[in-house]
């Protein structure tokens, strides 16, 4: 699911939700839409950002369903995919703050644990410039069903 920014920044980005399945060789990622979820399952959120321009002071807010709890709750500076960011985990969302995103593609991942039964909406993710909020885009939500 890739979404083109509605503004002038020419950024593309997507959010994907995977179930992490242990196999004899290693962990495998299976798309949530193809898999039945149960309480205790470990999920991986993969956020992909592709920008054709250099961006500064960008905020990415990733809302999560009420049946999901983050595995890593400690906020702090991190780096991956050739970029550095501050990651902050709150009650309803995980926030990523970038000082700079140079032209290119970036992949961010973090893990969540399923905690409740039922049908849920994962919420939307919003990518927005901190000082020019007219440069923003958002994803669609992902439906999650957790069974016994």
C-alpha atoms as a PDB file:
ATOM      1  CA  UNK A   1       0.000   0.000   0.000  1.00  0.00           C
ATOM      2  CA  UNK A   2       1.805   3.077  -1.227  1.00  0.00           C
ATOM      3  CA  UNK A   3       0.314   6.526  -0.945  1.00  0.00           C
ATOM      4  CA  UNK A   4       1.325   9.572  -2.945  1.00  0.00           C
ATOM      5  CA  UNK A   5       1.549  12.764  -0.991  1.00  0.00           C
ATOM      6  CA  UNK A   6      -1.280  15.127  -1.905  1.00  0.00           C
ATOM      7  CA  UNK A   7       1.032  18.142  -1.633  1.00  0.00           C
ATOM      8  CA  UNK A   8       4.015  19.311  -3.660  1.00  0.00           C
ATOM      9  CA  UNK A   9       6.741  17.292  -1.920  1.00  0.00           C
ATOM     10  CA  UNK A  10       6.627  14.234  -4.280  1.00  0.00           C
ATOM     11  CA  UNK A  11       6.947  11.752  -1.413  1.00  0.00           C
ATOM     12  CA  UNK A  12       5.648   8.196  -1.577  1.00  0.00           C
ATOM     13  CA  UNK A  13       5.277   5.977   1.430  1.00  0.00           C
ATOM     14  CA  UNK A  14       3.552   2.854   2.666  1.00  0.00           C
ATOM     15  CA  UNK A  15       2.764   0.876   5.779  1.00  0.00           C
ATOM     16  CA  UNK A  16       2.751  -2.914   5.979  1.00  0.00           C
ATOM     17  CA  UNK A  17       1.820  -5.193   8.875  1.00  0.00           C
ATOM     18  CA  UNK A  18       3.377  -8.664   9.146  1.00  0.00           C
ATOM     19  CA  UNK A  19       3.073 -11.569  11.569  1.00  0.00           C
ATOM     20  CA  UNK A  20       6.477 -12.841  12.693  1.00  0.00           C
ATOM     21  CA  UNK A  21       6.522 -16.650  12.465  1.00  0.00           C
ATOM     22  CA  UNK A  22       9.406 -18.713  13.852  1.00  0.00           C
ATOM     23  CA  UNK A  23      10.706 -21.416  11.526  1.00  0.00           C
ATOM     24  CA  UNK A  24      13.597 -23.855  11.920  1.00  0.00           C
ATOM     25  CA  UNK A  25      15.907 -21.538   9.951  1.00  0.00           C
ATOM     26  CA  UNK A  26      14.843 -18.034  11.069  1.00  0.00           C
ATOM     27  CA  UNK A  27      11.905 -15.698  11.618  1.00  0.00           C
ATOM     28  CA  UNK A  28       9.571 -15.348   8.622  1.00  0.00           C
ATOM     29  CA  UNK A  29       7.301 -12.369   7.962  1.00  0.00           C
ATOM     30  CA  UNK A  30       3.774 -13.263   6.774  1.00  0.00           C
ATOM     31  CA  UNK A  31       1.316 -10.591   5.636  1.00  0.00           C
ATOM     32  CA  UNK A  32      -1.434 -10.064   8.244  1.00  0.00           C
ATOM     33  CA  UNK A  33      -4.194 -10.258   5.621  1.00  0.00           C
ATOM     34  CA  UNK A  34      -3.091 -13.839   4.831  1.00  0.00           C
ATOM     35  CA  UNK A  35      -2.828 -14.961   8.452  1.00  0.00           C
ATOM     36  CA  UNK A  36      -5.147 -15.503  11.430  1.00  0.00           C
ATOM     37  CA  UNK A  37      -3.998 -13.584  14.498  1.00  0.00           C
ATOM     38  CA  UNK A  38      -4.140 -14.849  18.070  1.00  0.00           C
ATOM     39  CA  UNK A  39      -3.398 -13.229  21.416  1.00  0.00           C
ATOM     40  CA  UNK A  40       0.359 -13.331  22.016  1.00  0.00           C
ATOM     41  CA  UNK A  41       1.377 -13.170  18.340  1.00  0.00           C
ATOM     42  CA  UNK A  42       4.323 -10.955  17.470  1.00  0.00           C
ATOM     43  CA  UNK A  43       3.767  -8.474  14.620  1.00  0.00           C
ATOM     44  CA  UNK A  44       6.249  -6.352  12.691  1.00  0.00           C
ATOM     45  CA  UNK A  45       5.260  -2.931  11.365  1.00  0.00           C
ATOM     46  CA  UNK A  46       7.213  -1.908   8.253  1.00  0.00           C
ATOM     47  CA  UNK A  47       7.078   1.753   7.241  1.00  0.00           C
ATOM     48  CA  UNK A  48       8.555   2.622   3.838  1.00  0.00           C
ATOM     49  CA  UNK A  49       9.265   6.239   2.919  1.00  0.00           C
ATOM     50  CA  UNK A  50      10.421   7.219  -0.577  1.00  0.00           C
ATOM     51  CA  UNK A  51      11.125  10.871  -1.255  1.00  0.00           C
ATOM     52  CA  UNK A  52      12.285  12.606  -4.414  1.00  0.00           C
ATOM     53  CA  UNK A  53      13.279  15.766  -2.513  1.00  0.00           C
ATOM     54  CA  UNK A  54      15.432  16.514   0.497  1.00  0.00           C
ATOM     55  CA  UNK A  55      13.184  17.056   3.520  1.00  0.00           C
ATOM     56  CA  UNK A  56      13.891  18.665   6.888  1.00  0.00           C
ATOM     57  CA  UNK A  57      12.098  18.393  10.236  1.00  0.00           C
ATOM     58  CA  UNK A  58       9.606  15.657   9.394  1.00  0.00           C
ATOM     59  CA  UNK A  59       7.210  13.929  11.817  1.00  0.00           C
ATOM     60  CA  UNK A  60       5.818  10.440  11.182  1.00  0.00           C
ATOM     61  CA  UNK A  61       2.972   9.401  13.518  1.00  0.00           C
ATOM     62  CA  UNK A  62       1.945   5.747  13.315  1.00  0.00           C
ATOM     63  CA  UNK A  63      -1.334   5.055  15.174  1.00  0.00           C
ATOM     64  CA  UNK A  64      -1.922   1.489  16.339  1.00  0.00           C
ATOM     65  CA  UNK A  65      -4.971  -0.630  17.153  1.00  0.00           C
ATOM     66  CA  UNK A  66      -6.053  -0.962  20.777  1.00  0.00           C
ATOM     67  CA  UNK A  67      -5.266  -4.705  20.652  1.00  0.00           C
ATOM     68  CA  UNK A  68      -1.566  -4.050  20.011  1.00  0.00           C
ATOM     69  CA  UNK A  69       1.162  -3.120  22.477  1.00  0.00           C
ATOM     70  CA  UNK A  70       4.723  -2.140  21.516  1.00  0.00           C
ATOM     71  CA  UNK A  71       7.547  -4.511  22.439  1.00  0.00           C
ATOM     72  CA  UNK A  72      10.119  -1.701  22.750  1.00  0.00           C
ATOM     73  CA  UNK A  73       8.712   1.184  24.802  1.00  0.00           C
ATOM     74  CA  UNK A  74      11.903   3.135  25.477  1.00  0.00           C
ATOM     75  CA  UNK A  75      12.148   6.420  23.583  1.00  0.00           C
ATOM     76  CA  UNK A  76      15.435   7.607  22.158  1.00  0.00           C
ATOM     77  CA  UNK A  77      17.592   8.327  19.136  1.00  0.00           C
ATOM     78  CA  UNK A  78      17.979   5.492  16.643  1.00  0.00           C
ATOM     79  CA  UNK A  79      19.280   5.014  13.140  1.00  0.00           C
ATOM     80  CA  UNK A  80      18.394   2.692  10.280  1.00  0.00           C
ATOM     81  CA  UNK A  81      18.191   2.823   6.497  1.00  0.00           C
ATOM     82  CA  UNK A  82      20.824   5.569   6.306  1.00  0.00           C
ATOM     83  CA  UNK A  83      18.856   8.007   8.479  1.00  0.00           C
ATOM     84  CA  UNK A  84      18.743   9.033  12.118  1.00  0.00           C
ATOM     85  CA  UNK A  85      15.571   9.802  14.027  1.00  0.00           C
ATOM     86  CA  UNK A  86      14.079  10.140  17.477  1.00  0.00           C
ATOM     87  CA  UNK A  87      11.536   7.406  18.231  1.00  0.00           C
ATOM     88  CA  UNK A  88       8.910   8.081  20.895  1.00  0.00           C
ATOM     89  CA  UNK A  89       6.353   5.455  21.968  1.00  0.00           C
ATOM     90  CA  UNK A  90       3.107   6.772  23.461  1.00  0.00           C
ATOM     91  CA  UNK A  91      -0.261   5.220  24.435  1.00  0.00           C
ATOM     92  CA  UNK A  92      -1.893   5.264  20.990  1.00  0.00           C
ATOM     93  CA  UNK A  93       0.959   5.850  18.535  1.00  0.00           C
ATOM     94  CA  UNK A  94       4.642   5.569  17.799  1.00  0.00           C
ATOM     95  CA  UNK A  95       6.225   8.845  16.694  1.00  0.00           C
ATOM     96  CA  UNK A  96       9.336   9.276  14.525  1.00  0.00           C
ATOM     97  CA  UNK A  97      11.031  12.694  14.321  1.00  0.00           C
ATOM     98  CA  UNK A  98      13.564  13.282  11.534  1.00  0.00           C
ATOM     99  CA  UNK A  99      15.908  16.280  11.386  1.00  0.00           C
ATOM    100  CA  UNK A 100      16.589  15.509   7.723  1.00  0.00           C
ATOM    101  CA  UNK A 101      15.466  12.979   5.116  1.00  0.00           C
ATOM    102  CA  UNK A 102      17.599  13.145   2.002  1.00  0.00           C
ATOM    103  CA  UNK A 103      16.328  11.996  -1.375  1.00  0.00           C
ATOM    104  CA  UNK A 104      15.919   8.219  -1.309  1.00  0.00           C
ATOM    105  CA  UNK A 105      14.047   5.283   0.192  1.00  0.00           C
ATOM    106  CA  UNK A 106      13.927   4.502   3.908  1.00  0.00           C
ATOM    107  CA  UNK A 107      12.569   1.426   5.716  1.00  0.00           C
ATOM    108  CA  UNK A 108      11.646   1.580   9.407  1.00  0.00           C
ATOM    109  CA  UNK A 109      10.476  -1.440  11.409  1.00  0.00           C
ATOM    110  CA  UNK A 110       9.286  -2.073  14.934  1.00  0.00           C
ATOM    111  CA  UNK A 111       7.508  -4.918  16.740  1.00  0.00           C
ATOM    112  CA  UNK A 112       4.089  -5.121  18.401  1.00  0.00           C
ATOM    113  CA  UNK A 113       2.418  -7.828  20.490  1.00  0.00           C
ATOM    114  CA  UNK A 114      -1.282  -8.807  20.115  1.00  0.00           C
ATOM    115  CA  UNK A 115      -3.063  -8.483  23.500  1.00  0.00           C
ATOM    116  CA  UNK A 116      -6.875  -8.647  22.961  1.00  0.00           C
ATOM    117  CA  UNK A 117      -9.527 -10.585  21.017  1.00  0.00           C
ATOM    118  CA  UNK A 118     -11.887  -8.949  18.510  1.00  0.00           C
ATOM    119  CA  UNK A 119     -11.961  -6.864  15.321  1.00  0.00           C
ATOM    120  CA  UNK A 120      -9.867  -3.689  15.246  1.00  0.00           C
ATOM    121  CA  UNK A 121      -8.720  -0.894  12.937  1.00  0.00           C
ATOM    122  CA  UNK A 122      -4.998  -0.197  13.031  1.00  0.00           C
ATOM    123  CA  UNK A 123      -5.478   3.537  12.509  1.00  0.00           C
ATOM    124  CA  UNK A 124      -3.702   5.772  10.036  1.00  0.00           C
ATOM    125  CA  UNK A 125      -0.118   6.881   9.749  1.00  0.00           C
ATOM    126  CA  UNK A 126       0.640  10.522   9.010  1.00  0.00           C
ATOM    127  CA  UNK A 127       3.828  11.933   7.501  1.00  0.00           C
ATOM    128  CA  UNK A 128       4.068  15.722   7.892  1.00  0.00           C
ATOM    129  CA  UNK A 129       6.568  18.548   7.743  1.00  0.00           C
ATOM    130  CA  UNK A 130       6.898  20.158  11.174  1.00  0.00           C
ATOM    131  CA  UNK A 131       7.330  23.716   9.851  1.00  0.00           C
ATOM    132  CA  UNK A 132       5.214  23.492   6.687  1.00  0.00           C
ATOM    133  CA  UNK A 133       2.168  21.376   7.641  1.00  0.00           C
ATOM    134  CA  UNK A 134       0.688  21.729   4.155  1.00  0.00           C
ATOM    135  CA  UNK A 135       3.261  19.087   3.123  1.00  0.00           C
ATOM    136  CA  UNK A 136       1.620  15.974   4.540  1.00  0.00           C
ATOM    137  CA  UNK A 137       0.126  12.633   3.609  1.00  0.00           C
ATOM    138  CA  UNK A 138      -1.522   9.746   5.385  1.00  0.00           C
ATOM    139  CA  UNK A 139      -2.156   6.047   4.925  1.00  0.00           C
ATOM    140  CA  UNK A 140      -5.338   4.042   5.023  1.00  0.00           C
ATOM    141  CA  UNK A 141      -6.102   1.955   8.072  1.00  0.00           C
ATOM    142  CA  UNK A 142      -5.554  -1.794   8.225  1.00  0.00           C
ATOM    143  CA  UNK A 143      -8.293  -4.050   9.606  1.00  0.00           C
ATOM    144  CA  UNK A 144      -7.168  -6.646  12.159  1.00  0.00           C
ATOM    145  CA  UNK A 145      -9.158  -9.634  13.416  1.00  0.00           C
ATOM    146  CA  UNK A 146      -7.918 -11.555  16.459  1.00  0.00           C
ATOM    147  CA  UNK A 147      -9.477 -14.952  17.278  1.00  0.00           C
ATOM    148  CA  UNK A 148      -8.986 -17.527  20.039  1.00  0.00           C
END
